[in-house]
Amino acid sequence: MFEKFEKMKESVNQYYNEQAEKFKADMEQNMSTGYALDHWYYRDRMTKKALEDAQKLSRDSILPDAIKTSMIKRFNRENEKLRSAKLEKIALIEQYSAPAHADISVEWTKSRIYGYNPTATVRAEKRVTEGKASGCGYDKESAAIASAMNNNPEIMRILYEHVESGEPFPYSVNLFSGVPYFDGGCGVSCFQNVFKACGYKWRCTGSGKLYDCYTIERI
């Protein structure tokens, strides 16, 4: 359907370009040293030396240009790493085809602290991936399955093609900088609606005390 995900790449580049511009604009304001030190978003962009220099200044003083320049450089390095990671993932997904079918299995093991915890395994046509969940207070099964699917390039190919087509997603898929991912903890039934929107049928093929099995098939 799509050989390359040009719209997604454009969205990624637009997002990180805007982030860089926004941070630069923040640094061009008359920001007080105390304000910068009190907010982790700015403080974490200071190098060790910049932080030490800022801590020696009066909190009411305007943050010096030299410190702002070093913060911009650090932010841009971090920003470019994030951009590259997103573009590299898109390039990886481009190497795979959307599968005609895939199997999802969930095995439950008992934890002394958190009760039963799931390990989900997604078996697509070429790649097998796993996802785990623990803790309490949320839907652990869907969280484990979401993790396994987010790590599977064939499954993600399905989502990427849907994004490139311009169609929206039902609940349980989020977009960050234009790149989709499954949101864990929403309930397994939500995945059925997502795959239906993408042209697939999701169904349960087995269930027991310590296991659950599902499959997706292209309609």
N, C-alpha and C. Protein backbone atom coordinates (compact mmCIF):
# COMPACT_ATOMS: atom_id res chain seq x y z
N MET A 1 0.83 -1.20 0.00
CA MET A 1 0.00 0.00 0.00
C MET A 1 0.87 1.26 0.00
N PHE A 2 1.80 1.32 0.93
CA PHE A 2 2.75 2.43 0.99
C PHE A 2 4.16 1.87 1.05
N GLU A 3 5.05 2.40 0.21
CA GLU A 3 6.45 1.99 0.28
C GLU A 3 7.18 2.81 1.33
N LYS A 4 6.89 4.10 1.38
CA LYS A 4 7.54 5.01 2.32
C LYS A 4 6.47 5.81 3.07
N PHE A 5 6.81 6.20 4.28
CA PHE A 5 5.86 6.95 5.11
C PHE A 5 6.28 8.42 5.14
N GLU A 6 6.10 9.08 4.01
CA GLU A 6 6.57 10.46 3.87
C GLU A 6 5.80 11.43 4.75
N LYS A 7 4.49 11.22 4.89
CA LYS A 7 3.69 12.12 5.74
C LYS A 7 4.13 12.03 7.19
N MET A 8 4.42 10.82 7.65
CA MET A 8 4.87 10.66 9.02
C MET A 8 6.23 11.31 9.23
N LYS A 9 7.12 11.15 8.29
CA LYS A 9 8.44 11.78 8.40
C LYS A 9 8.30 13.31 8.45
N GLU A 10 7.39 13.82 7.64
CA GLU A 10 7.16 15.27 7.64
C GLU A 10 6.63 15.73 9.00
N SER A 11 5.72 14.93 9.58
CA SER A 11 5.16 15.27 10.89
C SER A 11 6.23 15.24 11.96
N VAL A 12 7.11 14.24 11.90
CA VAL A 12 8.19 14.13 12.88
C VAL A 12 9.11 15.35 12.77
N ASN A 13 9.53 15.67 11.57
CA ASN A 13 10.44 16.81 11.39
C ASN A 13 9.79 18.12 11.81
N GLN A 14 8.51 18.28 11.50
CA GLN A 14 7.81 19.50 11.90
C GLN A 14 7.75 19.61 13.42
N TYR A 15 7.46 18.50 14.09
CA TYR A 15 7.35 18.52 15.55
C TYR A 15 8.67 18.91 16.19
N TYR A 16 9.77 18.29 15.79
CA TYR A 16 11.05 18.57 16.44
C TYR A 16 11.62 19.92 16.02
N ASN A 17 11.29 20.38 14.84
CA ASN A 17 11.65 21.75 14.46
C ASN A 17 10.94 22.76 15.36
N GLU A 18 9.65 22.52 15.60
CA GLU A 18 8.87 23.41 16.46
C GLU A 18 9.39 23.38 17.89
N GLN A 19 9.81 22.21 18.37
CA GLN A 19 10.35 22.12 19.71
C GLN A 19 11.62 22.96 19.84
N ALA A 20 12.48 22.88 18.83
CA ALA A 20 13.72 23.65 18.85
C ALA A 20 13.44 25.14 18.83
N GLU A 21 12.49 25.55 18.00
CA GLU A 21 12.14 26.97 17.90
C GLU A 21 11.53 27.47 19.20
N LYS A 22 10.69 26.65 19.82
CA LYS A 22 10.06 27.04 21.07
C LYS A 22 11.09 27.23 22.19
N PHE A 23 12.03 26.29 22.28
CA PHE A 23 13.03 26.41 23.35
C PHE A 23 13.91 27.63 23.12
N LYS A 24 14.28 27.88 21.88
CA LYS A 24 15.08 29.07 21.57
C LYS A 24 14.33 30.33 21.94
N ALA A 25 13.02 30.36 21.65
CA ALA A 25 12.20 31.52 21.99
C ALA A 25 12.12 31.70 23.50
N ASP A 26 12.05 30.60 24.24
CA ASP A 26 12.05 30.68 25.71
C ASP A 26 13.33 31.33 26.21
N MET A 27 14.44 30.96 25.60
CA MET A 27 15.74 31.47 26.03
C MET A 27 15.93 32.94 25.67
N GLU A 28 15.15 33.42 24.71
CA GLU A 28 15.26 34.82 24.31
C GLU A 28 14.48 35.74 25.24
N GLN A 29 13.68 35.15 26.14
CA GLN A 29 12.93 35.94 27.11
C GLN A 29 13.84 36.35 28.27
N ASN A 30 13.42 37.37 28.99
CA ASN A 30 14.18 37.81 30.17
C ASN A 30 13.85 36.89 31.36
N MET A 31 14.34 35.68 31.29
CA MET A 31 14.06 34.68 32.31
C MET A 31 14.98 34.89 33.50
N SER A 32 14.39 34.85 34.70
CA SER A 32 15.21 35.02 35.89
C SER A 32 15.97 33.73 36.18
N THR A 33 17.11 33.86 36.82
CA THR A 33 17.92 32.70 37.19
C THR A 33 17.14 31.78 38.12
N GLY A 34 16.42 32.37 39.08
CA GLY A 34 15.65 31.57 40.02
C GLY A 34 14.57 30.77 39.34
N TYR A 35 13.89 31.36 38.37
CA TYR A 35 12.84 30.65 37.63
C TYR A 35 13.42 29.46 36.89
N ALA A 36 14.56 29.66 36.24
CA ALA A 36 15.19 28.57 35.49
C ALA A 36 15.61 27.43 36.42
N LEU A 37 16.14 27.78 37.57
CA LEU A 37 16.60 26.75 38.52
C LEU A 37 15.42 26.00 39.15
N ASP A 38 14.29 26.65 39.29
CA ASP A 38 13.14 26.03 39.94
C ASP A 38 12.33 25.12 39.02
N HIS A 39 12.57 25.20 37.73
CA HIS A 39 11.81 24.40 36.77
C HIS A 39 12.73 23.37 36.11
N TRP A 40 12.40 22.09 36.34
CA TRP A 40 13.27 21.01 35.86
C TRP A 40 13.48 21.06 34.34
N TYR A 41 12.46 21.53 33.61
CA TYR A 41 12.55 21.56 32.15
C TYR A 41 13.74 22.40 31.70
N TYR A 42 13.99 23.49 32.39
CA TYR A 42 15.13 24.34 32.07
C TYR A 42 16.39 23.90 32.79
N ARG A 43 16.24 23.57 34.07
CA ARG A 43 17.40 23.16 34.87
C ARG A 43 18.10 21.94 34.27
N ASP A 44 17.32 21.00 33.76
CA ASP A 44 17.91 19.78 33.20
C ASP A 44 18.62 20.02 31.88
N ARG A 45 18.44 21.20 31.29
CA ARG A 45 19.15 21.53 30.04
C ARG A 45 20.46 22.25 30.32
N MET A 46 20.79 22.42 31.59
CA MET A 46 22.06 23.05 31.94
C MET A 46 23.15 21.99 32.07
N THR A 47 24.33 22.30 31.56
CA THR A 47 25.46 21.43 31.81
C THR A 47 25.85 21.56 33.28
N LYS A 48 26.72 20.70 33.74
CA LYS A 48 27.15 20.77 35.14
C LYS A 48 27.76 22.13 35.45
N LYS A 49 28.59 22.63 34.54
CA LYS A 49 29.23 23.94 34.75
C LYS A 49 28.18 25.05 34.72
N ALA A 50 27.24 24.99 33.77
CA ALA A 50 26.22 26.02 33.68
C ALA A 50 25.36 26.05 34.95
N LEU A 51 25.07 24.88 35.48
CA LEU A 51 24.27 24.80 36.70
C LEU A 51 25.03 25.41 37.88
N GLU A 52 26.30 25.09 37.97
CA GLU A 52 27.12 25.64 39.06
C GLU A 52 27.21 27.16 38.94
N ASP A 53 27.38 27.65 37.72
CA ASP A 53 27.47 29.10 37.51
C ASP A 53 26.14 29.78 37.87
N ALA A 54 25.03 29.16 37.49
CA ALA A 54 23.73 29.75 37.77
C ALA A 54 23.45 29.78 39.27
N GLN A 55 23.87 28.77 39.98
CA GLN A 55 23.62 28.69 41.42
C GLN A 55 24.40 29.74 42.21
N LYS A 56 25.44 30.31 41.60
CA LYS A 56 26.23 31.35 42.25
C LYS A 56 25.59 32.74 42.08
N LEU A 57 24.63 32.83 41.18
CA LEU A 57 24.03 34.13 40.87
C LEU A 57 22.83 34.42 41.76
N SER A 58 22.45 35.68 41.79
CA SER A 58 21.24 36.07 42.50
C SER A 58 20.03 35.50 41.77
N ARG A 59 19.07 35.01 42.54
CA ARG A 59 17.88 34.42 41.92
C ARG A 59 17.07 35.44 41.13
N ASP A 60 17.20 36.71 41.47
CA ASP A 60 16.45 37.75 40.79
C ASP A 60 17.14 38.24 39.52
N SER A 61 18.37 37.82 39.31
CA SER A 61 19.11 38.27 38.14
C SER A 61 18.60 37.58 36.88
N ILE A 62 18.80 38.24 35.73
CA ILE A 62 18.42 37.65 34.45
C ILE A 62 19.44 36.57 34.09
N LEU A 63 18.95 35.44 33.66
CA LEU A 63 19.84 34.33 33.29
C LEU A 63 20.81 34.80 32.20
N PRO A 64 22.11 34.67 32.41
CA PRO A 64 23.10 35.18 31.46
C PRO A 64 23.02 34.52 30.08
N ASP A 65 23.38 35.27 29.06
CA ASP A 65 23.33 34.76 27.68
C ASP A 65 24.24 33.55 27.50
N ALA A 66 25.38 33.53 28.18
CA ALA A 66 26.31 32.40 28.02
C ALA A 66 25.67 31.09 28.47
N ILE A 67 24.93 31.16 29.58
CA ILE A 67 24.24 29.96 30.08
C ILE A 67 23.10 29.59 29.14
N LYS A 68 22.38 30.59 28.64
CA LYS A 68 21.29 30.31 27.71
C LYS A 68 21.81 29.65 26.43
N THR A 69 22.94 30.13 25.95
CA THR A 69 23.52 29.55 24.72
C THR A 69 23.88 28.08 24.94
N SER A 70 24.48 27.77 26.09
CA SER A 70 24.84 26.37 26.37
C SER A 70 23.60 25.51 26.53
N MET A 71 22.52 26.09 27.09
CA MET A 71 21.28 25.35 27.24
C MET A 71 20.65 25.05 25.89
N ILE A 72 20.70 26.01 24.98
CA ILE A 72 20.16 25.80 23.63
C ILE A 72 20.93 24.68 22.93
N LYS A 73 22.25 24.71 23.05
CA LYS A 73 23.07 23.67 22.41
C LYS A 73 22.74 22.29 22.96
N ARG A 74 22.57 22.21 24.28
CA ARG A 74 22.24 20.92 24.90
C ARG A 74 20.85 20.46 24.49
N PHE A 75 19.90 21.37 24.50
CA PHE A 75 18.55 21.03 24.08
C PHE A 75 18.54 20.51 22.64
N ASN A 76 19.25 21.20 21.76
CA ASN A 76 19.28 20.80 20.35
C ASN A 76 19.89 19.41 20.17
N ARG A 77 20.92 19.09 20.95
CA ARG A 77 21.51 17.75 20.86
C ARG A 77 20.48 16.70 21.27
N GLU A 78 19.79 16.94 22.38
CA GLU A 78 18.77 16.00 22.85
C GLU A 78 17.63 15.89 21.85
N ASN A 79 17.23 17.04 21.32
CA ASN A 79 16.13 17.09 20.36
C ASN A 79 16.45 16.29 19.11
N GLU A 80 17.69 16.41 18.63
CA GLU A 80 18.10 15.70 17.42
C GLU A 80 18.20 14.19 17.66
N LYS A 81 18.58 13.79 18.87
CA LYS A 81 18.61 12.36 19.19
C LYS A 81 17.21 11.77 19.14
N LEU A 82 16.25 12.50 19.69
CA LEU A 82 14.87 12.03 19.68
C LEU A 82 14.33 11.98 18.25
N ARG A 83 14.65 13.00 17.47
CA ARG A 83 14.21 13.04 16.07
C ARG A 83 14.79 11.83 15.31
N SER A 84 16.08 11.60 15.49
CA SER A 84 16.74 10.50 14.79
C SER A 84 16.14 9.16 15.17
N ALA A 85 15.84 8.99 16.46
CA ALA A 85 15.25 7.73 16.91
C ALA A 85 13.90 7.48 16.24
N LYS A 86 13.08 8.54 16.13
CA LYS A 86 11.78 8.40 15.48
C LYS A 86 11.94 8.07 14.00
N LEU A 87 12.83 8.77 13.32
CA LEU A 87 13.02 8.54 11.90
C LEU A 87 13.63 7.16 11.64
N GLU A 88 14.51 6.72 12.54
CA GLU A 88 15.09 5.38 12.39
C GLU A 88 14.03 4.30 12.56
N LYS A 89 13.09 4.52 13.48
CA LYS A 89 12.02 3.53 13.65
C LYS A 89 11.13 3.48 12.42
N ILE A 90 10.83 4.65 11.85
CA ILE A 90 10.03 4.67 10.62
C ILE A 90 10.76 3.92 9.51
N ALA A 91 12.07 4.14 9.40
CA ALA A 91 12.86 3.45 8.37
C ALA A 91 12.84 1.94 8.59
N LEU A 92 12.85 1.52 9.86
CA LEU A 92 12.78 0.09 10.17
C LEU A 92 11.45 -0.49 9.73
N ILE A 93 10.35 0.19 10.06
CA ILE A 93 9.02 -0.31 9.70
C ILE A 93 8.85 -0.38 8.19
N GLU A 94 9.50 0.53 7.47
CA GLU A 94 9.40 0.52 6.01
C GLU A 94 9.97 -0.76 5.40
N GLN A 95 10.81 -1.45 6.14
CA GLN A 95 11.43 -2.68 5.62
C GLN A 95 10.51 -3.90 5.74
N TYR A 96 9.40 -3.75 6.46
CA TYR A 96 8.49 -4.86 6.69
C TYR A 96 7.18 -4.65 5.95
N SER A 97 6.46 -5.75 5.75
CA SER A 97 5.12 -5.70 5.19
C SER A 97 4.11 -5.98 6.28
N ALA A 98 2.91 -5.44 6.13
CA ALA A 98 1.85 -5.73 7.09
C ALA A 98 1.48 -7.20 6.96
N PRO A 99 1.37 -7.92 8.07
CA PRO A 99 1.10 -9.36 8.00
C PRO A 99 -0.36 -9.63 7.65
N ALA A 100 -0.59 -10.80 7.03
CA ALA A 100 -1.96 -11.22 6.76
C ALA A 100 -2.63 -11.69 8.05
N HIS A 101 -1.82 -12.18 8.97
CA HIS A 101 -2.35 -12.61 10.26
C HIS A 101 -1.24 -12.59 11.30
N ALA A 102 -1.63 -12.60 12.55
CA ALA A 102 -0.67 -12.68 13.66
C ALA A 102 -1.39 -13.29 14.86
N ASP A 103 -0.63 -13.99 15.69
CA ASP A 103 -1.18 -14.62 16.89
C ASP A 103 -0.64 -13.91 18.13
N ILE A 104 -1.50 -13.74 19.10
CA ILE A 104 -1.12 -13.11 20.37
C ILE A 104 -1.47 -14.07 21.50
N SER A 105 -0.49 -14.42 22.31
CA SER A 105 -0.74 -15.30 23.46
C SER A 105 -0.32 -14.57 24.73
N VAL A 106 -1.04 -14.85 25.81
CA VAL A 106 -0.75 -14.24 27.10
C VAL A 106 -0.67 -15.34 28.14
N GLU A 107 0.45 -15.38 28.85
CA GLU A 107 0.62 -16.33 29.94
C GLU A 107 0.69 -15.57 31.25
N TRP A 108 0.02 -16.11 32.27
CA TRP A 108 -0.05 -15.46 33.56
C TRP A 108 0.78 -16.21 34.60
N THR A 109 1.60 -15.48 35.34
CA THR A 109 2.38 -16.05 36.43
C THR A 109 2.09 -15.28 37.71
N LYS A 110 2.10 -15.99 38.81
CA LYS A 110 1.72 -15.36 40.07
C LYS A 110 2.89 -14.69 40.75
N SER A 111 2.67 -13.46 41.18
CA SER A 111 3.65 -12.69 41.92
C SER A 111 3.22 -12.62 43.38
N ARG A 112 4.16 -12.73 44.27
CA ARG A 112 3.84 -12.68 45.70
C ARG A 112 3.27 -11.33 46.09
N ILE A 113 3.69 -10.28 45.39
CA ILE A 113 3.27 -8.94 45.75
C ILE A 113 2.07 -8.47 44.92
N TYR A 114 2.13 -8.71 43.59
CA TYR A 114 1.14 -8.11 42.69
C TYR A 114 0.14 -9.11 42.11
N GLY A 115 0.06 -10.29 42.66
CA GLY A 115 -0.89 -11.25 42.13
C GLY A 115 -0.44 -11.81 40.79
N TYR A 116 -1.39 -12.04 39.87
CA TYR A 116 -1.04 -12.60 38.57
C TYR A 116 -0.60 -11.51 37.59
N ASN A 117 0.54 -11.75 36.96
CA ASN A 117 1.10 -10.81 35.99
C ASN A 117 1.21 -11.46 34.62
N PRO A 118 0.92 -10.72 33.55
CA PRO A 118 0.94 -11.29 32.21
C PRO A 118 2.24 -11.07 31.44
N THR A 119 2.57 -12.05 30.62
CA THR A 119 3.60 -11.90 29.60
C THR A 119 2.94 -12.17 28.26
N ALA A 120 2.94 -11.18 27.39
CA ALA A 120 2.30 -11.31 26.08
C ALA A 120 3.35 -11.59 25.00
N THR A 121 3.01 -12.47 24.09
CA THR A 121 3.88 -12.79 22.96
C THR A 121 3.11 -12.58 21.66
N VAL A 122 3.66 -11.77 20.77
CA VAL A 122 3.06 -11.53 19.47
C VAL A 122 3.88 -12.25 18.41
N ARG A 123 3.23 -13.17 17.71
CA ARG A 123 3.89 -13.93 16.63
C ARG A 123 3.31 -13.48 15.30
N ALA A 124 4.04 -12.62 14.62
CA ALA A 124 3.64 -12.19 13.29
C ALA A 124 4.29 -13.14 12.28
N GLU A 125 4.34 -12.76 11.03
CA GLU A 125 4.84 -13.68 10.01
C GLU A 125 6.36 -13.80 10.03
N LYS A 126 7.05 -12.75 10.48
CA LYS A 126 8.51 -12.78 10.50
C LYS A 126 9.11 -12.49 11.87
N ARG A 127 8.41 -11.74 12.69
CA ARG A 127 8.97 -11.32 13.97
C ARG A 127 8.11 -11.78 15.13
N VAL A 128 8.81 -12.16 16.22
CA VAL A 128 8.15 -12.53 17.47
C VAL A 128 8.65 -11.56 18.54
N THR A 129 7.72 -10.94 19.27
CA THR A 129 8.09 -9.97 20.29
C THR A 129 7.30 -10.23 21.56
N GLU A 130 7.85 -9.74 22.69
CA GLU A 130 7.21 -9.94 23.98
C GLU A 130 6.96 -8.61 24.69
N GLY A 131 6.02 -8.65 25.60
CA GLY A 131 5.75 -7.50 26.46
C GLY A 131 5.25 -8.00 27.80
N LYS A 132 5.61 -7.30 28.88
CA LYS A 132 5.22 -7.71 30.21
C LYS A 132 4.56 -6.56 30.96
N ALA A 133 3.83 -6.91 32.01
CA ALA A 133 3.20 -5.90 32.86
C ALA A 133 3.11 -6.45 34.28
N SER A 134 3.20 -5.56 35.24
CA SER A 134 3.07 -5.95 36.65
C SER A 134 2.45 -4.79 37.41
N GLY A 135 2.38 -4.93 38.71
CA GLY A 135 1.77 -3.87 39.51
C GLY A 135 0.29 -4.13 39.69
N CYS A 136 -0.46 -3.07 39.94
CA CYS A 136 -1.89 -3.22 40.16
C CYS A 136 -2.59 -1.90 39.86
N GLY A 137 -3.91 -1.93 39.79
CA GLY A 137 -4.68 -0.72 39.58
C GLY A 137 -4.91 -0.34 38.13
N TYR A 138 -4.63 -1.25 37.20
CA TYR A 138 -4.88 -0.98 35.79
C TYR A 138 -5.01 -2.31 35.06
N ASP A 139 -5.39 -2.27 33.78
CA ASP A 139 -5.57 -3.49 33.01
C ASP A 139 -4.21 -3.99 32.53
N LYS A 140 -3.67 -4.96 33.24
CA LYS A 140 -2.32 -5.44 32.95
C LYS A 140 -2.25 -6.23 31.64
N GLU A 141 -3.30 -6.95 31.31
CA GLU A 141 -3.25 -7.76 30.10
C GLU A 141 -3.10 -6.89 28.86
N SER A 142 -3.92 -5.84 28.75
CA SER A 142 -3.82 -4.96 27.58
C SER A 142 -2.49 -4.21 27.58
N ALA A 143 -1.94 -3.92 28.76
CA ALA A 143 -0.64 -3.24 28.83
C ALA A 143 0.46 -4.13 28.28
N ALA A 144 0.43 -5.42 28.65
CA ALA A 144 1.45 -6.36 28.16
C ALA A 144 1.33 -6.56 26.66
N ILE A 145 0.09 -6.70 26.19
CA ILE A 145 -0.13 -6.88 24.74
C ILE A 145 0.31 -5.64 23.97
N ALA A 146 -0.02 -4.47 24.50
CA ALA A 146 0.37 -3.22 23.83
C ALA A 146 1.89 -3.13 23.72
N SER A 147 2.59 -3.50 24.79
CA SER A 147 4.05 -3.46 24.77
C SER A 147 4.61 -4.39 23.71
N ALA A 148 4.07 -5.61 23.64
CA ALA A 148 4.54 -6.57 22.64
C ALA A 148 4.25 -6.09 21.22
N MET A 149 3.09 -5.48 21.01
CA MET A 149 2.74 -5.00 19.67
C MET A 149 3.57 -3.78 19.29
N ASN A 150 3.83 -2.89 20.24
CA ASN A 150 4.65 -1.70 19.94
C ASN A 150 6.06 -2.10 19.55
N ASN A 151 6.52 -3.25 20.02
CA ASN A 151 7.87 -3.72 19.70
C ASN A 151 7.92 -4.56 18.43
N ASN A 152 6.76 -4.83 17.83
CA ASN A 152 6.73 -5.70 16.65
C ASN A 152 6.58 -4.85 15.38
N PRO A 153 7.61 -4.82 14.52
CA PRO A 153 7.56 -3.95 13.34
C PRO A 153 6.46 -4.31 12.35
N GLU A 154 6.07 -5.58 12.29
CA GLU A 154 5.00 -5.96 11.37
C GLU A 154 3.65 -5.43 11.84
N ILE A 155 3.39 -5.52 13.14
CA ILE A 155 2.15 -4.98 13.68
C ILE A 155 2.13 -3.47 13.55
N MET A 156 3.27 -2.83 13.82
CA MET A 156 3.33 -1.38 13.70
C MET A 156 3.16 -0.92 12.26
N ARG A 157 3.54 -1.77 11.33
CA ARG A 157 3.34 -1.44 9.92
C ARG A 157 1.85 -1.21 9.63
N ILE A 158 1.00 -1.99 10.29
CA ILE A 158 -0.44 -1.82 10.12
C ILE A 158 -0.86 -0.43 10.56
N LEU A 159 -0.37 0.00 11.73
CA LEU A 159 -0.72 1.33 12.24
C LEU A 159 -0.14 2.43 11.36
N TYR A 160 1.10 2.25 10.93
CA TYR A 160 1.75 3.29 10.13
C TYR A 160 1.01 3.50 8.81
N GLU A 161 0.56 2.42 8.19
CA GLU A 161 -0.17 2.55 6.93
C GLU A 161 -1.49 3.28 7.17
N HIS A 162 -2.11 3.02 8.32
CA HIS A 162 -3.37 3.71 8.63
C HIS A 162 -3.14 5.20 8.83
N VAL A 163 -2.06 5.56 9.49
CA VAL A 163 -1.72 6.98 9.67
C VAL A 163 -1.47 7.63 8.32
N GLU A 164 -0.71 6.96 7.48
CA GLU A 164 -0.35 7.54 6.18
C GLU A 164 -1.59 7.74 5.30
N SER A 165 -2.62 6.91 5.51
CA SER A 165 -3.85 7.04 4.73
C SER A 165 -4.67 8.24 5.16
N GLY A 166 -4.33 8.80 6.33
CA GLY A 166 -5.05 9.96 6.83
C GLY A 166 -6.27 9.65 7.66
N GLU A 167 -6.53 8.37 7.94
CA GLU A 167 -7.70 7.99 8.72
C GLU A 167 -7.40 8.06 10.22
N PRO A 168 -8.40 8.42 11.04
CA PRO A 168 -8.20 8.49 12.49
C PRO A 168 -8.25 7.10 13.12
N PHE A 169 -7.79 7.02 14.37
CA PHE A 169 -7.81 5.77 15.11
C PHE A 169 -8.91 5.80 16.17
N PRO A 170 -9.50 4.63 16.48
CA PRO A 170 -10.35 4.54 17.66
C PRO A 170 -9.49 4.66 18.92
N TYR A 171 -10.14 4.71 20.05
CA TYR A 171 -9.46 4.82 21.35
C TYR A 171 -8.47 3.68 21.55
N SER A 172 -7.35 3.98 22.14
CA SER A 172 -6.25 3.08 22.54
C SER A 172 -5.02 3.20 21.66
N VAL A 173 -5.08 4.04 20.62
CA VAL A 173 -3.88 4.36 19.84
C VAL A 173 -3.63 5.85 19.94
N ASN A 174 -2.42 6.21 20.33
CA ASN A 174 -2.05 7.62 20.43
C ASN A 174 -1.01 7.98 19.39
N LEU A 175 -0.95 9.26 19.07
CA LEU A 175 0.06 9.77 18.13
C LEU A 175 0.96 10.73 18.89
N PHE A 176 2.27 10.49 18.80
CA PHE A 176 3.23 11.42 19.36
C PHE A 176 4.17 11.84 18.25
N SER A 177 4.21 13.12 17.97
CA SER A 177 4.98 13.68 16.86
C SER A 177 4.60 13.00 15.55
N GLY A 178 3.33 12.57 15.45
CA GLY A 178 2.85 11.96 14.23
C GLY A 178 3.06 10.47 14.12
N VAL A 179 3.68 9.87 15.13
CA VAL A 179 3.99 8.43 15.12
C VAL A 179 3.03 7.71 16.07
N PRO A 180 2.34 6.65 15.60
CA PRO A 180 1.35 5.98 16.44
C PRO A 180 1.96 4.93 17.36
N TYR A 181 1.29 4.69 18.48
CA TYR A 181 1.65 3.60 19.37
C TYR A 181 0.42 3.18 20.17
N PHE A 182 0.40 1.90 20.53
CA PHE A 182 -0.71 1.38 21.33
C PHE A 182 -0.57 1.86 22.77
N ASP A 183 -1.69 2.29 23.33
CA ASP A 183 -1.72 2.75 24.71
C ASP A 183 -2.15 1.58 25.59
N GLY A 184 -1.26 1.11 26.46
CA GLY A 184 -1.56 -0.02 27.31
C GLY A 184 -2.47 0.35 28.46
N GLY A 185 -3.17 -0.65 28.99
CA GLY A 185 -4.02 -0.43 30.14
C GLY A 185 -5.43 0.01 29.81
N CYS A 186 -5.79 -0.01 28.52
CA CYS A 186 -7.10 0.49 28.10
C CYS A 186 -8.15 -0.61 28.05
N GLY A 187 -7.72 -1.87 28.12
CA GLY A 187 -8.64 -2.99 27.96
C GLY A 187 -8.46 -3.66 26.62
N VAL A 188 -8.44 -4.99 26.61
CA VAL A 188 -8.17 -5.74 25.38
C VAL A 188 -9.23 -5.48 24.32
N SER A 189 -10.47 -5.26 24.72
CA SER A 189 -11.55 -5.05 23.75
C SER A 189 -11.30 -3.84 22.85
N CYS A 190 -10.52 -2.88 23.33
CA CYS A 190 -10.22 -1.69 22.52
C CYS A 190 -9.41 -2.06 21.27
N PHE A 191 -8.56 -3.08 21.38
CA PHE A 191 -7.73 -3.46 20.23
C PHE A 191 -8.59 -3.97 19.08
N GLN A 192 -9.72 -4.60 19.40
CA GLN A 192 -10.61 -5.09 18.37
C GLN A 192 -11.07 -3.95 17.47
N ASN A 193 -11.41 -2.82 18.06
CA ASN A 193 -11.87 -1.66 17.28
C ASN A 193 -10.74 -1.06 16.44
N VAL A 194 -9.54 -1.05 17.01
CA VAL A 194 -8.40 -0.50 16.27
C VAL A 194 -8.12 -1.32 15.02
N PHE A 195 -8.04 -2.63 15.19
CA PHE A 195 -7.72 -3.47 14.03
C PHE A 195 -8.86 -3.49 13.02
N LYS A 196 -10.08 -3.37 13.49
CA LYS A 196 -11.21 -3.30 12.56
C LYS A 196 -11.08 -2.07 11.67
N ALA A 197 -10.68 -0.94 12.27
CA ALA A 197 -10.48 0.29 11.50
C ALA A 197 -9.36 0.14 10.48
N CYS A 198 -8.41 -0.74 10.79
CA CYS A 198 -7.26 -0.96 9.90
C CYS A 198 -7.49 -2.10 8.91
N GLY A 199 -8.70 -2.68 8.92
CA GLY A 199 -8.99 -3.74 7.96
C GLY A 199 -8.67 -5.14 8.45
N TYR A 200 -8.66 -5.33 9.77
CA TYR A 200 -8.36 -6.63 10.35
C TYR A 200 -9.46 -7.06 11.32
N LYS A 201 -9.56 -8.36 11.50
CA LYS A 201 -10.48 -8.90 12.48
C LYS A 201 -9.71 -9.44 13.67
N TRP A 202 -10.09 -9.01 14.86
CA TRP A 202 -9.48 -9.48 16.11
C TRP A 202 -10.44 -10.43 16.79
N ARG A 203 -9.97 -11.61 17.17
CA ARG A 203 -10.85 -12.54 17.87
C ARG A 203 -10.09 -13.34 18.91
N CYS A 204 -10.81 -13.76 19.91
CA CYS A 204 -10.24 -14.61 20.96
C CYS A 204 -10.29 -16.05 20.49
N THR A 205 -9.17 -16.75 20.58
CA THR A 205 -9.12 -18.14 20.12
C THR A 205 -8.96 -19.13 21.27
N GLY A 206 -8.83 -18.64 22.49
CA GLY A 206 -8.72 -19.54 23.62
C GLY A 206 -8.51 -18.77 24.90
N SER A 207 -8.96 -19.38 26.01
CA SER A 207 -8.81 -18.72 27.30
C SER A 207 -8.85 -19.75 28.41
N GLY A 208 -8.03 -19.55 29.42
CA GLY A 208 -7.99 -20.43 30.57
C GLY A 208 -7.57 -19.66 31.80
N LYS A 209 -7.32 -20.38 32.89
CA LYS A 209 -6.96 -19.71 34.12
C LYS A 209 -5.63 -18.97 34.00
N LEU A 210 -4.69 -19.55 33.25
CA LEU A 210 -3.35 -18.97 33.17
C LEU A 210 -2.94 -18.61 31.75
N TYR A 211 -3.90 -18.52 30.83
CA TYR A 211 -3.54 -18.14 29.46
C TYR A 211 -4.73 -17.51 28.74
N ASP A 212 -4.41 -16.70 27.75
CA ASP A 212 -5.40 -16.15 26.83
C ASP A 212 -4.76 -16.12 25.44
N CYS A 213 -5.53 -16.39 24.41
CA CYS A 213 -5.01 -16.40 23.06
C CYS A 213 -5.91 -15.58 22.14
N TYR A 214 -5.29 -14.83 21.25
CA TYR A 214 -6.02 -14.02 20.30
C TYR A 214 -5.34 -14.14 18.93
N THR A 215 -6.06 -13.75 17.89
CA THR A 215 -5.47 -13.71 16.57
C THR A 215 -6.04 -12.51 15.81
N ILE A 216 -5.25 -11.97 14.91
CA ILE A 216 -5.75 -10.94 14.00
C ILE A 216 -5.59 -11.47 12.59
N GLU A 217 -6.58 -11.19 11.75
CA GLU A 217 -6.55 -11.65 10.37
C GLU A 217 -7.02 -10.51 9.46
N ARG A 218 -6.34 -10.34 8.34
CA ARG A 218 -6.74 -9.31 7.40
C ARG A 218 -8.10 -9.69 6.80
N ILE A 219 -9.00 -8.73 6.78
CA ILE A 219 -10.35 -8.98 6.25
C ILE A 219 -10.31 -8.99 4.73
